[in-house]
Amino acid sequence: MIAALATAGALFALVRGVTLALDADHRQSRSRLATLGTGPTPSAVTRTRTRTRRREGGGTPDGMRRWLRRAGLAWEPADLFGVSLATAAVPGAIVAVATGGSAVAATLVAAFGALLPSLVIQQRAARRAAALNGQVVETLEVVASSLRSGFGFIQSLELAAREQPEPISAELLQTIREVNLGAATDEALQRLVERTGDADLALAINAVVIQRRVGGDLSEILGNISHMIRERIRIRGEIKTLTAQARMSAWIIGMLPIGLAVALTLMQPDQMRVFIDDPVGRILVATGAGLQVIGFMAVQRVAAIEY
């Protein structure tokens, strides 16, 4: 058992290292995209996004709070820890009692239960981010139309916040409240970028900050940016279509060993028991699971094309 746990720990460290290496390249690419169009002097929004990117991904309390806020949850990191502990302890104890004290089954169930809240929150944050990204173009068009009608920038944001649904309306209202309470407009926009983490919205806000410093027709600028974002959305759809086969292959290849193991366990339980009772069998299972995770992540990363 100790050898199996050590192997599993080593595989986890290897998987984590691969993830960090891949994410480092991903963040570097997005950093280059974020700095386009800022000129010789980086804008305040770009500097804020750089600092935010450094804070995120490190497992800090502020990064976790920001991640929870992006999922639409007013939780603290301690709340997430408590929920994860409960979803790990209760199912694990139930499985341990039901299986007559099987440590392997209880540990597996407890590990899955501990990860379940984070997986649900991650899915919720991804859905909310996708919904917000889909509202950016329409919001920019509303703001540009209001500016052409003679409204000020903050008034145009208020109009867009009233007309748009969640989640972008809540973020715009938060920005407007900060401005009404005395915060500088640029600072409020910086915090909007930090809260949402949306690249398209950051591009538009970057243009707003630059326009406020050097002047220009903001309605025309926002109109051009909304057109560019529409083209990016179109290209994104084409990329998803072209990479659908690779992503589906990753899921099929990843689930095939699990399905085969379940089928063999149902048909030949005595032969499969050696992978649980024998130390070498447990090491093989841990090694195979780690390699499966690495392969799945590699295929998914190859299919995740930057644009």
Protein backbone atom coordinates (compact mmCIF):
# COMPACT_ATOMS: atom_id res chain seq x y z
CA MET A 1 0.00 0.00 0.00
CA ILE A 2 2.84 2.41 0.88
CA ALA A 3 4.48 1.75 -2.49
CA ALA A 4 1.19 2.33 -4.29
CA LEU A 5 0.63 5.61 -2.44
CA ALA A 6 4.19 6.71 -3.20
CA THR A 7 3.72 5.90 -6.88
CA ALA A 8 0.43 7.73 -6.97
CA GLY A 9 2.05 10.74 -5.32
CA ALA A 10 4.89 10.75 -7.82
CA LEU A 11 2.45 10.51 -10.72
CA PHE A 12 0.40 13.35 -9.28
CA ALA A 13 3.52 15.49 -9.05
CA LEU A 14 4.38 14.61 -12.65
CA VAL A 15 0.87 15.46 -13.85
CA ARG A 16 0.96 18.74 -11.92
CA GLY A 17 4.32 19.59 -13.44
CA VAL A 18 3.04 18.93 -16.96
CA THR A 19 -0.03 21.07 -16.24
CA LEU A 20 2.04 23.98 -14.94
CA ALA A 21 4.40 23.78 -17.92
CA LEU A 22 1.51 23.80 -20.39
CA ASP A 23 -0.30 26.58 -18.54
CA ALA A 24 2.87 28.69 -18.52
CA ASP A 25 2.97 28.63 -22.31
CA HIS A 26 -0.77 29.34 -22.41
CA ARG A 27 -0.42 32.37 -20.11
CA GLN A 28 2.54 33.66 -22.13
CA SER A 29 0.49 33.53 -25.34
CA ARG A 30 -2.42 35.34 -23.73
CA SER A 31 -0.06 37.93 -22.29
CA ARG A 32 1.21 38.72 -25.79
CA LEU A 33 -2.38 39.07 -27.03
CA ALA A 34 -3.29 41.31 -24.09
CA THR A 35 -0.47 43.76 -24.78
CA LEU A 36 -1.30 44.32 -28.45
CA GLY A 37 -2.26 47.86 -29.24
CA THR A 38 -0.98 49.40 -26.02
CA GLY A 39 1.89 51.30 -27.61
CA PRO A 40 5.22 52.05 -26.01
CA THR A 41 3.61 52.84 -22.62
CA PRO A 42 1.49 49.91 -21.32
CA SER A 43 -1.95 50.94 -20.17
CA ALA A 44 -3.09 50.65 -16.59
CA VAL A 45 -5.44 47.84 -17.55
CA THR A 46 -2.62 45.81 -19.08
CA ARG A 47 -0.45 46.26 -16.00
CA THR A 48 -3.34 45.25 -13.77
CA ARG A 49 -4.06 42.17 -15.84
CA THR A 50 -0.38 41.19 -15.63
CA ARG A 51 -0.39 41.47 -11.85
CA THR A 52 -3.67 39.59 -11.66
CA ARG A 53 -2.32 36.81 -13.87
CA ARG A 54 0.68 36.45 -11.56
CA ARG A 55 -1.54 36.20 -8.50
CA GLU A 56 -3.88 33.68 -10.07
CA GLY A 57 -2.94 30.07 -10.47
CA GLY A 58 -0.85 30.05 -7.31
CA GLY A 59 -3.56 28.76 -5.00
CA THR A 60 -3.54 31.98 -2.94
CA PRO A 61 -6.66 33.01 -0.98
CA ASP A 62 -7.14 36.06 -3.22
CA GLY A 63 -6.89 33.89 -6.33
CA MET A 64 -9.43 31.44 -4.91
CA ARG A 65 -11.81 34.28 -4.00
CA ARG A 66 -11.53 35.65 -7.52
CA TRP A 67 -12.18 32.19 -8.95
CA LEU A 68 -15.26 31.78 -6.74
CA ARG A 69 -16.55 35.22 -7.72
CA ARG A 70 -16.21 34.34 -11.39
CA ALA A 71 -18.46 31.36 -10.71
CA GLY A 72 -21.04 33.73 -9.22
CA LEU A 73 -20.50 32.51 -5.65
CA ALA A 74 -19.98 34.74 -2.61
CA TRP A 75 -17.92 32.04 -0.87
CA GLU A 76 -14.66 32.30 0.99
CA PRO A 77 -11.84 29.72 0.57
CA ALA A 78 -12.74 28.33 4.00
CA ASP A 79 -16.27 27.62 2.77
CA LEU A 80 -14.94 25.65 -0.19
CA PHE A 81 -12.61 23.72 2.11
CA GLY A 82 -15.49 22.84 4.42
CA VAL A 83 -17.73 21.68 1.58
CA SER A 84 -14.90 19.61 0.05
CA LEU A 85 -14.19 18.03 3.43
CA ALA A 86 -17.85 17.12 3.88
CA THR A 87 -18.22 15.66 0.38
CA ALA A 88 -15.09 13.59 0.99
CA ALA A 89 -15.79 12.35 4.53
CA VAL A 90 -19.47 11.44 4.29
CA PRO A 91 -19.41 9.32 1.08
CA GLY A 92 -16.08 7.78 2.11
CA ALA A 93 -17.48 6.71 5.46
CA ILE A 94 -20.62 5.30 3.84
CA VAL A 95 -18.59 3.28 1.33
CA ALA A 96 -16.26 2.05 4.08
CA VAL A 97 -19.22 0.76 6.09
CA ALA A 98 -20.97 -0.71 3.04
CA THR A 99 -17.87 -2.58 1.85
CA GLY A 100 -16.86 -3.90 5.25
CA GLY A 101 -13.93 -1.54 5.77
CA SER A 102 -12.38 -1.55 2.29
CA ALA A 103 -9.70 1.13 2.50
CA VAL A 104 -9.15 1.25 -1.27
CA ALA A 105 -12.81 1.83 -2.15
CA ALA A 106 -13.28 4.36 0.66
CA THR A 107 -10.16 6.29 -0.37
CA LEU A 108 -11.18 6.44 -4.02
CA VAL A 109 -14.68 7.64 -3.16
CA ALA A 110 -13.35 10.17 -0.67
CA ALA A 111 -10.83 11.51 -3.21
CA PHE A 112 -13.55 11.92 -5.83
CA GLY A 113 -15.81 13.58 -3.26
CA ALA A 114 -13.08 16.04 -2.32
CA LEU A 115 -12.60 17.03 -5.96
CA LEU A 116 -16.32 17.19 -6.78
CA PRO A 117 -17.04 20.73 -5.43
CA SER A 118 -14.05 22.17 -7.30
CA LEU A 119 -15.14 20.44 -10.51
CA VAL A 120 -18.68 21.79 -10.15
CA ILE A 121 -17.41 25.31 -9.44
CA GLN A 122 -15.03 25.11 -12.39
CA GLN A 123 -17.88 24.07 -14.67
CA ARG A 124 -20.07 26.84 -13.29
CA ALA A 125 -17.31 29.42 -13.78
CA ALA A 126 -16.74 28.22 -17.35
CA ARG A 127 -20.46 28.51 -18.18
CA ARG A 128 -20.64 31.98 -16.64
CA ALA A 129 -17.51 33.11 -18.50
CA ALA A 130 -18.90 31.80 -21.79
CA ALA A 131 -22.21 33.59 -21.18
CA LEU A 132 -20.42 36.84 -20.33
CA ASN A 133 -18.18 36.57 -23.40
CA GLY A 134 -21.24 36.11 -25.60
CA GLN A 135 -22.70 39.37 -24.26
CA VAL A 136 -19.64 41.54 -24.84
CA VAL A 137 -20.38 42.39 -28.49
CA GLU A 138 -23.98 43.37 -27.83
CA THR A 139 -22.96 45.43 -24.81
CA LEU A 140 -20.32 47.31 -26.81
CA GLU A 141 -22.87 48.06 -29.51
CA VAL A 142 -25.32 49.43 -26.94
CA VAL A 143 -22.61 51.63 -25.43
CA ALA A 144 -21.48 52.84 -28.87
CA SER A 145 -25.07 53.68 -29.87
CA SER A 146 -25.61 55.58 -26.62
CA LEU A 147 -22.43 57.57 -27.16
CA ARG A 148 -23.56 58.51 -30.67
CA SER A 149 -26.85 59.69 -29.15
CA GLY A 150 -25.03 62.13 -26.89
CA PHE A 151 -24.86 60.19 -23.61
CA GLY A 152 -21.73 60.15 -21.48
CA PHE A 153 -19.66 57.03 -20.99
CA ILE A 154 -20.99 56.19 -17.51
CA GLN A 155 -24.56 56.87 -18.65
CA SER A 156 -24.00 54.53 -21.58
CA LEU A 157 -22.75 51.84 -19.19
CA GLU A 158 -25.88 52.29 -17.05
CA LEU A 159 -28.08 51.88 -20.12
CA ALA A 160 -26.20 48.73 -21.17
CA ALA A 161 -26.46 47.33 -17.64
CA ARG A 162 -30.24 47.83 -17.66
CA GLU A 163 -30.71 46.25 -21.08
CA GLN A 164 -28.34 43.29 -20.77
CA PRO A 165 -29.07 40.17 -18.70
CA GLU A 166 -26.81 38.43 -16.22
CA PRO A 167 -23.89 38.01 -15.81
CA ILE A 168 -22.55 41.12 -17.55
CA SER A 169 -25.24 43.39 -16.12
CA ALA A 170 -24.14 42.58 -12.56
CA GLU A 171 -20.51 43.32 -13.41
CA LEU A 172 -21.38 46.64 -15.07
CA LEU A 173 -23.58 47.66 -12.14
CA GLN A 174 -20.73 46.90 -9.75
CA THR A 175 -18.44 49.13 -11.80
CA ILE A 176 -21.01 51.93 -11.85
CA ARG A 177 -21.47 51.68 -8.07
CA GLU A 178 -17.72 51.99 -7.56
CA VAL A 179 -17.62 55.12 -9.75
CA ASN A 180 -20.60 56.64 -7.91
CA LEU A 181 -18.85 55.99 -4.58
CA GLY A 182 -15.85 58.03 -5.68
CA ALA A 183 -13.54 55.57 -7.42
CA ALA A 184 -11.71 56.75 -10.53
CA THR A 185 -13.21 55.45 -13.75
CA ASP A 186 -9.95 53.86 -14.87
CA GLU A 187 -9.59 52.04 -11.54
CA ALA A 188 -13.17 50.80 -11.67
CA LEU A 189 -12.59 49.50 -15.19
CA GLN A 190 -9.39 47.80 -14.03
CA ARG A 191 -11.33 45.95 -11.34
CA LEU A 192 -13.93 44.97 -13.92
CA VAL A 193 -11.19 43.30 -15.96
CA GLU A 194 -9.87 41.53 -12.84
CA ARG A 195 -13.32 40.25 -11.86
CA THR A 196 -14.29 38.90 -15.25
CA GLY A 197 -10.97 37.83 -16.78
CA ASP A 198 -12.52 38.10 -20.25
CA ALA A 199 -9.98 38.86 -22.99
CA ASP A 200 -12.50 40.52 -25.34
CA LEU A 201 -13.84 42.78 -22.60
CA ALA A 202 -10.28 43.61 -21.54
CA LEU A 203 -9.49 44.65 -25.11
CA ALA A 204 -12.46 47.02 -25.17
CA ILE A 205 -11.65 48.48 -21.77
CA ASN A 206 -8.05 48.91 -22.82
CA ALA A 207 -9.26 50.96 -25.77
CA VAL A 208 -11.48 53.04 -23.49
CA VAL A 209 -8.59 53.82 -21.15
CA ILE A 210 -6.34 54.84 -24.06
CA GLN A 211 -9.09 56.98 -25.60
CA ARG A 212 -9.63 58.78 -22.29
CA ARG A 213 -5.94 59.72 -22.31
CA VAL A 214 -5.32 60.62 -25.96
CA GLY A 215 -8.83 61.42 -27.22
CA GLY A 216 -10.72 60.18 -30.27
CA ASP A 217 -14.17 59.00 -31.28
CA LEU A 218 -14.96 56.36 -28.64
CA SER A 219 -18.17 55.23 -30.36
CA GLU A 220 -16.27 54.46 -33.57
CA ILE A 221 -13.52 52.68 -31.62
CA LEU A 222 -16.03 50.48 -29.80
CA GLY A 223 -17.81 49.76 -33.06
CA ASN A 224 -14.57 48.57 -34.67
CA ILE A 225 -13.74 46.44 -31.63
CA SER A 226 -17.20 44.84 -31.63
CA HIS A 227 -16.77 43.96 -35.31
CA MET A 228 -13.35 42.43 -34.59
CA ILE A 229 -14.80 40.40 -31.70
CA ARG A 230 -17.56 39.10 -33.96
CA GLU A 231 -14.91 37.87 -36.35
CA ARG A 232 -13.04 36.21 -33.49
CA ILE A 233 -16.23 34.44 -32.44
CA ARG A 234 -16.72 33.21 -35.99
CA ILE A 235 -13.13 31.94 -36.14
CA ARG A 236 -13.57 30.33 -32.72
CA GLY A 237 -16.56 28.38 -34.03
CA GLU A 238 -14.60 27.19 -37.03
CA ILE A 239 -11.72 26.08 -34.80
CA LYS A 240 -14.09 24.13 -32.55
CA THR A 241 -15.53 22.41 -35.60
CA LEU A 242 -12.10 21.49 -36.94
CA THR A 243 -10.84 20.20 -33.58
CA ALA A 244 -14.03 18.36 -32.59
CA GLN A 245 -12.66 15.01 -33.77
CA ALA A 246 -9.47 15.36 -31.71
CA ARG A 247 -11.38 16.34 -28.59
CA MET A 248 -13.83 13.48 -29.01
CA SER A 249 -10.95 11.07 -29.54
CA ALA A 250 -9.43 12.19 -26.25
CA TRP A 251 -12.66 11.43 -24.40
CA ILE A 252 -13.09 8.06 -26.08
CA ILE A 253 -9.48 7.01 -25.47
CA GLY A 254 -9.69 8.24 -21.88
CA MET A 255 -12.93 6.43 -21.05
CA LEU A 256 -12.12 3.17 -22.89
CA PRO A 257 -9.80 1.72 -20.19
CA ILE A 258 -12.28 2.61 -17.47
CA GLY A 259 -15.14 0.95 -19.32
CA LEU A 260 -13.01 -2.10 -20.04
CA ALA A 261 -11.98 -2.37 -16.37
CA VAL A 262 -15.60 -2.19 -15.25
CA ALA A 263 -16.67 -4.84 -17.79
CA LEU A 264 -13.85 -7.22 -16.79
CA THR A 265 -14.65 -6.69 -13.12
CA LEU A 266 -18.25 -7.70 -13.72
CA MET A 267 -17.32 -10.70 -15.86
CA GLN A 268 -14.15 -11.92 -14.08
CA PRO A 269 -14.07 -10.39 -10.57
CA ASP A 270 -11.54 -12.93 -9.25
CA GLN A 271 -8.98 -12.10 -11.90
CA MET A 272 -9.41 -8.35 -11.44
CA ARG A 273 -9.04 -8.59 -7.67
CA VAL A 274 -5.29 -9.03 -8.09
CA PHE A 275 -5.06 -5.34 -9.03
CA ILE A 276 -6.46 -4.46 -5.59
CA ASP A 277 -5.01 -7.14 -3.31
CA ASP A 278 -1.51 -7.42 -4.77
CA PRO A 279 0.93 -4.50 -4.20
CA VAL A 280 2.30 -4.81 -7.72
CA GLY A 281 -1.25 -4.67 -9.08
CA ARG A 282 -1.95 -1.47 -7.18
CA ILE A 283 1.25 0.08 -8.53
CA LEU A 284 0.21 -0.87 -12.06
CA VAL A 285 -3.24 0.64 -11.56
CA ALA A 286 -1.77 3.89 -10.20
CA THR A 287 0.76 4.05 -13.03
CA GLY A 288 -1.87 3.39 -15.68
CA ALA A 289 -4.23 6.01 -14.20
CA GLY A 290 -1.46 8.61 -14.17
CA LEU A 291 -0.48 7.89 -17.77
CA GLN A 292 -4.15 8.09 -18.79
CA VAL A 293 -4.46 11.51 -17.21
CA ILE A 294 -1.27 12.74 -18.88
CA GLY A 295 -2.39 11.44 -22.28
CA PHE A 296 -5.85 12.98 -21.93
CA MET A 297 -4.38 16.35 -20.94
CA ALA A 298 -1.88 16.25 -23.79
CA VAL A 299 -4.54 15.60 -26.43
CA GLN A 300 -6.80 18.29 -24.98
CA ARG A 301 -3.93 20.78 -24.98
CA VAL A 302 -3.04 20.00 -28.58
CA ALA A 303 -6.67 20.58 -29.57
CA ALA A 304 -6.79 23.91 -27.65
CA ILE A 305 -5.59 26.21 -30.45
CA GLU A 306 -4.71 29.81 -29.58
CA TYR A 307 -6.33 32.48 -31.76
